[in-house]
Amino acid sequence: MKYFISFLLSVFIITLLHAQNVHILTSGTKTSLRGLSAVDDNIVWVSGSGGKVGKSTDGGAKWSWFTVPGFEKKEFRSIEAFDSSTAVIMAIDSPAVILKTTDGGITWKPVYRNDTKGMFLDAMDFTNETDGVVIGDPVNGRFFLAQTSDAGNSWKELNEKYLPAADSGEACFASSGSNVLRLKSGRILFVSGGLSSHFYNNAQRMILPILQGTESTGANSVASKNHSTFMVVGGDFNVKDAATKNCFITYDAGRTWSAPDTAPHGYRSCVIFVQGDTWITCGLNGVDISTDSGKNFKQISKEGFHTCRKAKAGSMVFFAGGNGKVGILF
């Protein structure tokens, strides 16, 4: 029996990776969703504007929506969920705040607050259930980074002398909660955009060939296949259909970059590695998939989304975007 179940699971995964459609699970809630975390194929959390957080425990069939009291005007642009009860959300600015729930979203406890002038948090990433990082736009000419080692209960800001310096007009995009990665080794990777765009591997800064030069251009998202293979997507969010210099992949930890033979079909705000040779990316004008290690992308949906995630303990791929829209690769 166990071999039969294993066979069925393999067939399901193969079918998933060759899926050509994105099914809408829910839409119409008044919020723009940019935070998304899938614990497994059933437990999915989203976060967005208007202080909204959503949760499903049945793979997206039914949703519970919360407005975090006292934060009704906040934009929660990044979320990390650990189970159906526990999640951490990040509010971007004025002030920058991180909150945590342990009762399924009913109550939220502030675990970090920063009132520094110009503070703007962009994204958050966890390596596991304890270790995480949050990144913010430059303050006093240097990118902001803080880390947690206790599942988000407390956060420690990195000393300014260890923070990478930013060029004038260079910042991060809070478009999908996915422009920073904390690897298992402890290394922190992130990408920037604006007048200049770079790939940062800890404190080492590397030039990206991605579209850049204006405030709306640059890298929006970075994803990892292993310790040296990373993909970056972006472009110009003011020109959603432009596919010029919007995607690059490195096999040597950022020293050299190559573009796909067939690029994603427009500006892309998020990219994820699924498994094997499969990558998925999404943006304002649709979703693209590559099943040949990023060499060629095929548009599989014209539904626009801000962010996408693969289930951490599962095989399903979820999407989130404007107007409370959540989708699934089907």
Protein backbone atom coordinates (compact mmCIF):
# COMPACT_ATOMS: atom_id res chain seq x y z
CA MET A 1 0.00 0.00 0.00
CA LYS A 2 2.76 2.44 0.91
CA TYR A 3 4.30 2.01 -2.55
CA PHE A 4 0.96 2.73 -4.17
CA ILE A 5 0.53 5.89 -2.10
CA SER A 6 4.07 6.95 -3.02
CA PHE A 7 3.25 6.35 -6.69
CA LEU A 8 0.08 8.47 -6.45
CA LEU A 9 2.02 11.29 -4.77
CA SER A 10 4.63 11.22 -7.54
CA VAL A 11 1.91 11.38 -10.20
CA PHE A 12 0.31 14.32 -8.37
CA ILE A 13 3.60 16.25 -8.18
CA ILE A 14 4.33 15.63 -11.86
CA THR A 15 0.83 16.81 -12.73
CA LEU A 16 1.31 19.91 -10.57
CA LEU A 17 4.56 20.88 -12.21
CA HIS A 18 2.97 20.62 -15.66
CA ALA A 19 -0.19 22.45 -14.61
CA GLN A 20 -1.29 25.16 -16.98
CA ASN A 21 -3.80 27.01 -14.87
CA VAL A 22 -4.17 29.11 -11.74
CA HIS A 23 -7.46 28.61 -9.89
CA ILE A 24 -8.85 31.52 -7.86
CA LEU A 25 -9.67 30.43 -4.31
CA THR A 26 -11.08 33.71 -3.01
CA SER A 27 -11.35 37.39 -3.94
CA GLY A 28 -13.31 40.51 -3.09
CA THR A 29 -12.01 41.24 0.41
CA LYS A 30 -10.99 44.89 0.56
CA THR A 31 -7.23 44.51 0.86
CA SER A 32 -4.16 44.30 -1.36
CA LEU A 33 -2.30 41.15 -0.35
CA ARG A 34 1.50 41.15 -0.50
CA GLY A 35 2.24 38.81 2.41
CA LEU A 36 1.79 35.05 1.93
CA SER A 37 2.94 32.01 3.92
CA ALA A 38 1.87 28.41 3.30
CA VAL A 39 2.69 26.13 6.24
CA ASP A 40 1.52 23.07 4.32
CA ASP A 41 -1.06 22.22 1.65
CA ASN A 42 -3.88 23.14 4.04
CA ILE A 43 -2.70 25.97 6.30
CA VAL A 44 -2.26 29.24 4.40
CA TRP A 45 -1.93 32.78 5.80
CA VAL A 46 -2.02 36.09 3.89
CA SER A 47 -1.57 39.73 4.94
CA GLY A 48 -2.12 43.09 3.30
CA SER A 49 -3.40 46.63 3.43
CA GLY A 50 -6.09 47.93 5.76
CA GLY A 51 -4.60 45.94 8.64
CA LYS A 52 -5.96 42.73 7.13
CA VAL A 53 -4.83 39.15 7.76
CA GLY A 54 -6.48 36.07 6.24
CA LYS A 55 -6.17 32.39 7.09
CA SER A 56 -7.35 29.10 5.64
CA THR A 57 -6.93 25.68 7.22
CA ASP A 58 -8.43 23.65 4.38
CA GLY A 59 -6.25 24.56 1.42
CA GLY A 60 -8.15 27.74 0.58
CA ALA A 61 -11.70 26.43 0.41
CA LYS A 62 -12.78 28.62 3.35
CA TRP A 63 -11.18 31.78 4.76
CA SER A 64 -11.20 33.64 8.07
CA TRP A 65 -10.38 37.37 7.87
CA PHE A 66 -9.07 39.56 10.69
CA THR A 67 -8.48 43.29 11.00
CA VAL A 68 -5.74 43.75 13.59
CA PRO A 69 -7.11 46.13 16.26
CA GLY A 70 -5.24 49.43 16.41
CA PHE A 71 -3.55 48.75 13.07
CA GLU A 72 -6.49 49.30 10.71
CA LYS A 73 -4.49 51.64 8.45
CA LYS A 74 -1.33 49.55 8.37
CA GLU A 75 0.05 47.61 5.41
CA PHE A 76 1.24 44.16 6.45
CA ARG A 77 3.46 43.36 3.50
CA SER A 78 5.16 40.26 4.86
CA ILE A 79 4.00 37.31 6.95
CA GLU A 80 5.58 34.13 8.27
CA ALA A 81 3.31 31.40 9.63
CA PHE A 82 4.39 28.37 11.64
CA ASP A 83 1.07 26.57 12.14
CA SER A 84 -2.65 27.35 12.30
CA SER A 85 -2.18 29.30 15.54
CA THR A 86 1.16 31.06 15.17
CA ALA A 87 2.26 33.74 12.72
CA VAL A 88 4.40 36.89 12.54
CA ILE A 89 3.41 39.94 10.45
CA MET A 90 5.41 43.00 9.39
CA ALA A 91 4.00 46.53 8.99
CA ILE A 92 6.10 48.72 6.77
CA ASP A 93 6.35 52.21 8.29
CA SER A 94 5.17 55.11 10.51
CA PRO A 95 6.16 53.35 12.72
CA ALA A 96 7.63 50.10 11.48
CA VAL A 97 6.09 47.30 13.54
CA ILE A 98 6.29 43.50 13.80
CA LEU A 99 3.47 41.62 15.56
CA LYS A 100 2.92 37.99 16.53
CA THR A 101 -0.16 35.86 17.20
CA THR A 102 -0.27 32.54 19.02
CA ASP A 103 -4.06 32.14 19.05
CA GLY A 104 -4.82 31.87 15.38
CA GLY A 105 -5.05 35.60 14.64
CA ILE A 106 -7.53 36.61 17.34
CA THR A 107 -4.97 38.71 19.25
CA TRP A 108 -1.63 40.16 18.19
CA LYS A 109 1.32 41.17 20.37
CA PRO A 110 3.84 43.81 19.20
CA VAL A 111 7.30 42.24 19.26
CA TYR A 112 9.24 45.03 17.53
CA ARG A 113 8.72 48.74 16.87
CA ASN A 114 10.96 51.34 15.21
CA ASP A 115 10.05 55.03 15.14
CA THR A 116 13.24 56.15 13.38
CA LYS A 117 12.56 58.83 10.78
CA GLY A 118 12.61 57.28 7.31
CA MET A 119 12.28 53.72 8.61
CA PHE A 120 10.51 51.49 6.09
CA LEU A 121 10.53 47.71 6.42
CA ASP A 122 10.34 45.75 3.16
CA ALA A 123 10.38 42.00 3.75
CA MET A 124 10.92 39.18 6.21
CA ASP A 125 12.26 35.64 5.85
CA PHE A 126 12.69 32.70 8.20
CA THR A 127 15.13 29.83 7.73
CA ASN A 128 13.18 27.65 10.16
CA GLU A 129 10.74 28.12 13.04
CA THR A 130 13.23 30.11 15.13
CA ASP A 131 15.68 32.04 12.93
CA GLY A 132 14.53 34.97 10.80
CA VAL A 133 15.56 38.29 9.31
CA VAL A 134 13.80 41.52 8.36
CA ILE A 135 15.15 44.10 5.91
CA GLY A 136 14.40 47.79 5.58
CA ASP A 137 15.24 50.69 3.30
CA PRO A 138 18.49 52.59 3.92
CA VAL A 139 18.72 54.80 6.99
CA ASN A 140 21.70 57.14 7.16
CA GLY A 141 22.95 55.61 3.92
CA ARG A 142 22.90 51.97 5.06
CA PHE A 143 20.33 49.20 4.62
CA PHE A 144 18.51 48.18 7.80
CA LEU A 145 18.64 44.57 9.02
CA ALA A 146 17.38 42.91 12.19
CA GLN A 147 17.34 39.24 13.19
CA THR A 148 15.43 36.94 15.51
CA SER A 149 16.50 33.62 16.98
CA ASP A 150 13.38 32.97 19.08
CA ALA A 151 10.61 32.62 16.49
CA GLY A 152 10.04 36.36 16.23
CA ASN A 153 9.44 37.00 19.94
CA SER A 154 12.32 39.50 19.95
CA TRP A 155 14.45 41.20 17.29
CA LYS A 156 18.04 42.42 17.40
CA GLU A 157 19.17 45.15 15.01
CA LEU A 158 22.50 44.59 13.27
CA ASN A 159 25.24 47.03 14.20
CA GLU A 160 25.45 49.85 11.68
CA LYS A 161 29.09 49.09 10.89
CA TYR A 162 28.06 45.67 9.51
CA LEU A 163 25.25 47.02 7.34
CA PRO A 164 25.81 47.39 3.58
CA ALA A 165 26.00 50.94 2.24
CA ALA A 166 23.45 51.97 -0.39
CA ASP A 167 23.88 54.17 -3.43
CA SER A 168 21.88 57.38 -3.70
CA GLY A 169 18.41 56.44 -4.97
CA GLU A 170 18.86 52.76 -4.12
CA ALA A 171 16.31 51.00 -1.90
CA CYS A 172 14.30 47.80 -1.56
CA PHE A 173 10.81 47.05 -2.88
CA ALA A 174 8.13 45.89 -0.43
CA SER A 175 6.20 44.35 -3.30
CA SER A 176 6.05 40.68 -2.31
CA GLY A 177 7.86 40.03 0.95
CA SER A 178 10.52 38.15 -0.98
CA ASN A 179 13.54 40.35 -1.60
CA VAL A 180 15.50 38.91 1.35
CA LEU A 181 16.64 35.36 2.16
CA ARG A 182 18.23 33.90 5.25
CA LEU A 183 20.01 30.71 4.22
CA LYS A 184 20.59 27.67 6.44
CA SER A 185 24.22 28.73 6.71
CA GLY A 186 23.12 32.01 8.28
CA ARG A 187 24.05 34.07 5.24
CA ILE A 188 21.66 36.91 4.42
CA LEU A 189 20.93 37.64 0.77
CA PHE A 190 18.86 40.51 -0.56
CA VAL A 191 18.26 42.50 -3.72
CA SER A 192 17.66 46.20 -4.29
CA GLY A 193 16.24 48.50 -6.93
CA GLY A 194 15.70 52.09 -7.94
CA LEU A 195 18.41 54.20 -9.55
CA SER A 196 20.78 51.28 -9.03
CA SER A 197 20.15 47.60 -8.36
CA HIS A 198 22.42 45.14 -6.59
CA PHE A 199 22.59 41.61 -5.20
CA TYR A 200 23.91 41.48 -1.64
CA ASN A 201 25.52 38.31 -0.31
CA ASN A 202 26.05 39.23 3.34
CA ALA A 203 28.06 42.46 3.08
CA GLN A 204 29.35 41.72 -0.42
CA ARG A 205 27.65 43.85 -3.06
CA MET A 206 27.38 42.66 -6.66
CA ILE A 207 26.01 44.54 -9.66
CA LEU A 208 22.85 43.12 -11.22
CA PRO A 209 22.23 43.35 -14.98
CA ILE A 210 18.50 43.79 -14.30
CA LEU A 211 16.62 46.85 -15.58
CA GLN A 212 17.41 49.86 -13.40
CA GLY A 213 17.88 53.64 -13.46
CA THR A 214 14.51 54.99 -12.32
CA GLU A 215 12.61 54.80 -9.03
CA SER A 216 10.24 52.12 -10.37
CA THR A 217 12.90 49.77 -11.77
CA GLY A 218 15.14 47.10 -10.32
CA ALA A 219 15.04 43.76 -8.53
CA ASN A 220 11.92 42.87 -6.54
CA SER A 221 12.49 39.27 -5.49
CA VAL A 222 15.17 36.63 -5.02
CA ALA A 223 14.77 32.86 -4.66
CA SER A 224 17.26 30.09 -3.91
CA LYS A 225 17.65 26.57 -5.28
CA ASN A 226 20.79 25.81 -3.29
CA HIS A 227 23.75 27.64 -1.73
CA SER A 228 24.96 29.01 -5.08
CA THR A 229 21.96 29.02 -7.49
CA PHE A 230 19.68 32.05 -7.17
CA MET A 231 17.10 33.70 -9.41
CA VAL A 232 16.17 37.39 -9.35
CA VAL A 233 13.14 39.03 -10.97
CA GLY A 234 11.86 42.58 -11.30
CA GLY A 235 11.68 45.10 -14.11
CA ASP A 236 9.58 48.27 -14.08
CA PHE A 237 6.35 48.17 -12.08
CA ASN A 238 5.07 51.17 -14.05
CA VAL A 239 5.32 49.15 -17.29
CA LYS A 240 3.76 45.83 -16.36
CA ASP A 241 4.06 44.24 -19.83
CA ALA A 242 7.73 45.10 -20.38
CA ALA A 243 9.85 41.93 -20.43
CA THR A 244 13.24 43.61 -20.90
CA LYS A 245 15.92 42.64 -18.38
CA ASN A 246 13.35 41.36 -15.88
CA CYS A 247 14.88 38.01 -14.86
CA PHE A 248 18.40 36.68 -14.22
CA ILE A 249 19.89 33.52 -12.71
CA THR A 250 23.29 32.85 -11.16
CA TYR A 251 24.97 29.50 -10.59
CA ASP A 252 28.00 30.90 -8.75
CA ALA A 253 26.44 32.84 -5.86
CA GLY A 254 26.14 36.10 -7.76
CA ARG A 255 29.51 36.46 -9.46
CA THR A 256 27.98 36.01 -12.92
CA TRP A 257 24.39 36.24 -14.18
CA SER A 258 22.55 34.97 -17.25
CA ALA A 259 19.17 35.87 -18.72
CA PRO A 260 16.58 33.29 -19.83
CA ASP A 261 16.25 32.55 -23.54
CA THR A 262 12.53 33.23 -23.07
CA ALA A 263 11.93 35.72 -20.28
CA PRO A 264 8.86 36.01 -18.06
CA HIS A 265 6.14 37.99 -19.85
CA GLY A 266 6.38 41.30 -18.03
CA TYR A 267 7.35 42.95 -14.77
CA ARG A 268 7.59 40.32 -12.03
CA SER A 269 7.35 41.02 -8.30
CA CYS A 270 8.00 37.51 -6.96
CA VAL A 271 9.86 34.33 -7.89
CA ILE A 272 10.04 30.95 -6.14
CA PHE A 273 11.95 27.72 -6.68
CA VAL A 274 9.52 24.79 -6.67
CA GLN A 275 11.66 21.66 -7.11
CA GLY A 276 13.88 19.93 -9.66
CA ASP A 277 14.13 22.27 -12.66
CA THR A 278 10.94 24.23 -11.93
CA TRP A 279 10.66 27.93 -11.06
CA ILE A 280 7.51 30.07 -10.89
CA THR A 281 7.21 33.86 -11.05
CA CYS A 282 4.26 36.25 -10.90
CA GLY A 283 3.47 39.91 -11.47
CA LEU A 284 0.81 42.40 -12.37
CA ASN A 285 -0.05 40.80 -15.72
CA GLY A 286 0.20 37.11 -14.95
CA VAL A 287 2.11 34.00 -13.92
CA ASP A 288 5.03 32.26 -15.67
CA ILE A 289 6.58 28.84 -15.16
CA SER A 290 9.94 27.41 -16.21
CA THR A 291 10.51 23.65 -16.18
CA ASP A 292 14.03 23.80 -17.69
CA SER A 293 16.01 25.47 -14.92
CA GLY A 294 15.02 29.01 -15.86
CA LYS A 295 16.08 28.87 -19.49
CA ASN A 296 12.54 29.40 -20.82
CA PHE A 297 9.38 30.73 -19.22
CA LYS A 298 5.82 30.07 -20.33
CA GLN A 299 2.92 32.26 -19.26
CA ILE A 300 0.26 30.01 -17.72
CA SER A 301 -2.14 32.67 -16.45
CA LYS A 302 -2.96 36.31 -17.11
CA GLU A 303 -4.29 36.73 -13.57
CA GLY A 304 -2.16 39.34 -11.82
CA PHE A 305 -0.63 38.56 -8.41
CA HIS A 306 1.87 40.28 -6.14
CA THR A 307 3.38 37.23 -4.47
CA CYS A 308 3.58 33.43 -4.56
CA ARG A 309 4.79 30.67 -2.23
CA LYS A 310 5.20 26.91 -2.26
CA ALA A 311 3.94 25.11 0.83
CA LYS A 312 6.84 24.61 3.23
CA ALA A 313 5.66 21.10 4.14
CA GLY A 314 3.74 20.22 1.00
CA SER A 315 3.61 20.49 -2.77
CA MET A 316 0.97 23.14 -3.52
CA VAL A 317 1.80 26.61 -4.87
CA PHE A 318 -0.29 29.59 -3.76
CA PHE A 319 -0.61 33.17 -5.04
CA ALA A 320 -1.92 36.42 -3.52
CA GLY A 321 -2.69 39.84 -4.95
CA GLY A 322 -5.07 42.79 -5.14
CA ASN A 323 -8.68 42.85 -4.00
CA GLY A 324 -8.07 40.01 -1.54
CA LYS A 325 -7.33 37.60 -4.38
CA VAL A 326 -5.72 34.24 -3.52
CA GLY A 327 -5.00 31.55 -6.11
CA ILE A 328 -3.53 28.07 -6.38
CA LEU A 329 -1.59 26.30 -9.11
CA PHE A 330 -3.98 23.64 -10.35
